């Protein structure tokens, strides 16, 4: 694999917190599910392959990786680019967009919000239509600003108060 086969998806920050996390600033069209096995491109053109072992996205995105020495090097460098092979991005994107999310339970603030009745790609991102328990339809784009987690059984959302008021 060549560096030219990789696509930048974000940058790492310059410090490691007391829990071993380093800040991550994502680029446009980024999804948290991209963060598993990643390549780190240092300013001196070194490339390291690491695994993200934990993600903290409560207030901002922070990563913990499986190699503390590489994490320390990244914080010291201060300008490390996070990259993935284009083919991996395409495969992950196709898996999400090709998946029918209808019937999945949707949770917000630890409560069942409703059930997905439709999902579609709007040209920029996947969007779900949720039928709430009171019969109201809510449309939410599946982007990091609103998605905490998607698994086989449920979708957990955040920051959607504005959608609930429409």
Protein backbone atom coordinates (compact mmCIF):
# COMPACT_ATOMS: atom_id res chain seq x y z
CA UNK A 1 0.00 0.00 0.00
CA UNK A 2 1.23 3.49 -0.86
CA UNK A 3 0.52 6.80 0.88
CA UNK A 4 -1.31 7.78 -2.30
CA UNK A 5 -3.84 5.00 -1.54
CA UNK A 6 -4.77 6.71 1.73
CA UNK A 7 -7.33 9.44 2.36
CA UNK A 8 -7.05 11.92 5.23
CA UNK A 9 -10.05 11.78 7.59
CA UNK A 10 -8.79 14.11 10.32
CA UNK A 11 -5.94 15.28 12.54
CA UNK A 12 -4.78 14.40 16.03
CA UNK A 13 -4.33 17.04 18.72
CA UNK A 14 -1.20 18.02 20.62
CA UNK A 15 -1.87 16.62 24.09
CA UNK A 16 -2.79 13.40 25.85
CA UNK A 17 -5.24 13.68 28.75
CA UNK A 18 -4.92 11.87 32.09
CA UNK A 19 -7.01 8.97 30.75
CA UNK A 20 -4.71 8.39 27.75
CA UNK A 21 -6.94 10.03 25.12
CA UNK A 22 -5.73 12.38 22.38
CA UNK A 23 -8.10 14.89 20.70
CA UNK A 24 -9.23 14.16 17.13
CA UNK A 25 -10.49 16.83 14.72
CA UNK A 26 -12.51 15.18 11.96
CA UNK A 27 -12.73 16.34 8.37
CA UNK A 28 -16.01 16.68 6.43
CA UNK A 29 -18.03 13.55 5.65
CA UNK A 30 -16.42 11.69 8.54
CA UNK A 31 -18.23 8.99 10.53
CA UNK A 32 -17.14 7.56 13.88
CA UNK A 33 -17.43 4.02 12.53
CA UNK A 34 -14.37 4.80 10.36
CA UNK A 35 -12.22 4.78 13.49
CA UNK A 36 -10.97 1.27 14.06
CA UNK A 37 -7.70 0.45 12.30
CA UNK A 38 -6.10 3.69 11.11
CA UNK A 39 -2.90 5.00 9.60
CA UNK A 40 -1.09 7.94 11.20
CA UNK A 41 0.95 10.15 8.87
CA UNK A 42 3.57 12.17 10.75
CA UNK A 43 5.04 15.43 9.44
CA UNK A 44 8.32 13.67 8.64
CA UNK A 45 6.33 11.23 6.42
CA UNK A 46 6.53 8.29 8.82
CA UNK A 47 3.38 6.18 8.66
CA UNK A 48 2.20 4.04 11.56
CA UNK A 49 -0.70 1.58 11.54
CA UNK A 50 -2.58 1.52 14.86
CA UNK A 51 -5.87 0.32 16.29
CA UNK A 52 -8.28 2.65 18.07
CA UNK A 53 -9.16 0.88 21.31
CA UNK A 54 -11.60 3.44 22.69
CA UNK A 55 -13.47 6.56 21.56
CA UNK A 56 -14.74 9.31 23.85
CA UNK A 57 -17.28 11.50 22.03
CA UNK A 58 -19.14 13.07 24.95
CA UNK A 59 -18.06 16.67 24.29
CA UNK A 60 -15.54 16.29 21.48
CA UNK A 61 -13.92 13.30 19.83
CA UNK A 62 -10.93 11.83 21.65
CA UNK A 63 -9.15 8.59 20.80
CA UNK A 64 -7.17 6.00 22.68
CA UNK A 65 -4.89 3.80 20.57
CA UNK A 66 -3.14 0.50 21.20
CA UNK A 67 0.43 1.88 21.09
CA UNK A 68 1.34 4.35 23.85
CA UNK A 69 4.75 5.14 22.32
CA UNK A 70 3.17 6.09 18.98
CA UNK A 71 0.52 8.11 20.82
CA UNK A 72 3.26 10.04 22.64
CA UNK A 73 5.08 10.64 19.32
CA UNK A 74 1.82 11.91 17.79
CA UNK A 75 1.22 14.37 20.63
CA UNK A 76 4.81 15.59 20.39
CA UNK A 77 4.59 16.00 16.59
CA UNK A 78 1.33 17.91 17.01
CA UNK A 79 0.29 17.71 13.36
CA UNK A 80 -0.41 14.03 12.67
CA UNK A 81 -2.92 13.22 9.95
CA UNK A 82 -5.30 10.28 10.45
CA UNK A 83 -5.77 8.33 7.22
CA UNK A 84 -7.61 5.32 5.84
CA UNK A 85 -7.41 3.47 2.54
CA UNK A 86 -10.02 4.79 0.10
CA UNK A 87 -11.26 1.24 -0.48
CA UNK A 88 -11.98 0.84 3.27
CA UNK A 89 -13.92 4.12 3.33
CA UNK A 90 -15.91 3.07 0.26
CA UNK A 91 -16.69 -0.33 1.78
CA UNK A 92 -17.80 1.11 5.14
CA UNK A 93 -19.91 3.79 3.45
CA UNK A 94 -21.58 1.21 1.21
CA UNK A 95 -22.30 -1.02 4.19
CA UNK A 96 -24.10 1.82 5.97
CA UNK A 97 -25.94 3.21 2.95
CA UNK A 98 -26.90 -0.20 1.65
CA UNK A 99 -28.31 -1.26 4.98
CA UNK A 100 -32.04 -1.04 5.53
CA UNK A 101 -32.49 0.49 8.95
CA UNK A 102 -36.30 0.19 8.91
CA UNK A 103 -37.72 -1.26 12.09
CA UNK A 104 -34.74 -0.38 14.26
CA UNK A 105 -35.40 1.14 17.67
CA UNK A 106 -34.12 4.69 18.16
CA UNK A 107 -33.08 5.97 21.58
CA UNK A 108 -32.46 9.53 22.77
CA UNK A 109 -31.47 10.49 26.33
CA UNK A 110 -31.76 6.85 27.48
CA UNK A 111 -35.41 6.61 26.34
CA UNK A 112 -37.04 4.92 23.38
CA UNK A 113 -37.84 7.71 20.92
CA UNK A 114 -39.47 5.54 18.26
CA UNK A 115 -38.88 3.20 15.32
CA UNK A 116 -37.16 3.86 11.98
CA UNK A 117 -39.80 3.73 9.24
CA UNK A 118 -37.52 4.79 6.35
CA UNK A 119 -33.85 5.39 5.59
CA UNK A 120 -32.41 7.01 2.48
CA UNK A 121 -29.30 8.72 1.12
CA UNK A 122 -29.93 12.40 0.35
CA UNK A 123 -26.79 12.92 -1.71
CA UNK A 124 -24.70 13.96 1.28
CA UNK A 125 -25.53 11.51 4.07
CA UNK A 126 -27.89 8.79 5.17
CA UNK A 127 -31.12 10.10 6.73
CA UNK A 128 -33.61 8.19 8.87
CA UNK A 129 -37.29 8.90 9.37
CA UNK A 130 -38.41 7.97 12.87
CA UNK A 131 -42.00 7.45 13.90
CA UNK A 132 -42.19 8.51 17.53
CA UNK A 133 -44.39 6.84 20.12
CA UNK A 134 -46.97 9.62 19.66
CA UNK A 135 -47.07 9.12 15.87
CA UNK A 136 -44.94 12.13 14.94
CA UNK A 137 -42.38 11.70 12.12
CA UNK A 138 -38.84 12.99 12.76
CA UNK A 139 -36.09 13.05 10.13
CA UNK A 140 -32.48 12.94 11.36
CA UNK A 141 -29.29 12.78 9.26
CA UNK A 142 -26.92 10.03 10.39
CA UNK A 143 -23.88 12.22 11.00
CA UNK A 144 -21.56 12.41 14.00
CA UNK A 145 -23.29 15.50 15.36
CA UNK A 146 -26.40 13.38 16.06
CA UNK A 147 -25.28 9.73 16.25
CA UNK A 148 -23.82 8.17 19.38
CA UNK A 149 -24.04 4.55 18.25
CA UNK A 150 -25.52 2.30 15.58
CA UNK A 151 -25.52 -1.45 16.07
CA UNK A 152 -27.63 -4.37 14.86
CA UNK A 153 -30.42 -3.66 17.34
CA UNK A 154 -30.63 0.08 17.92
CA UNK A 155 -29.61 3.61 17.02
CA UNK A 156 -28.66 6.00 19.83
CA UNK A 157 -28.91 9.71 19.05
CA UNK A 158 -27.73 12.94 20.69
CA UNK A 159 -28.21 16.69 20.17
CA UNK A 160 -31.61 16.31 18.42
CA UNK A 161 -33.67 18.60 20.64
CA UNK A 162 -34.25 20.95 17.69
CA UNK A 163 -35.67 18.13 15.54
CA UNK A 164 -38.13 17.22 18.28
CA UNK A 165 -39.52 20.78 18.34
CA UNK A 166 -40.38 20.87 14.60
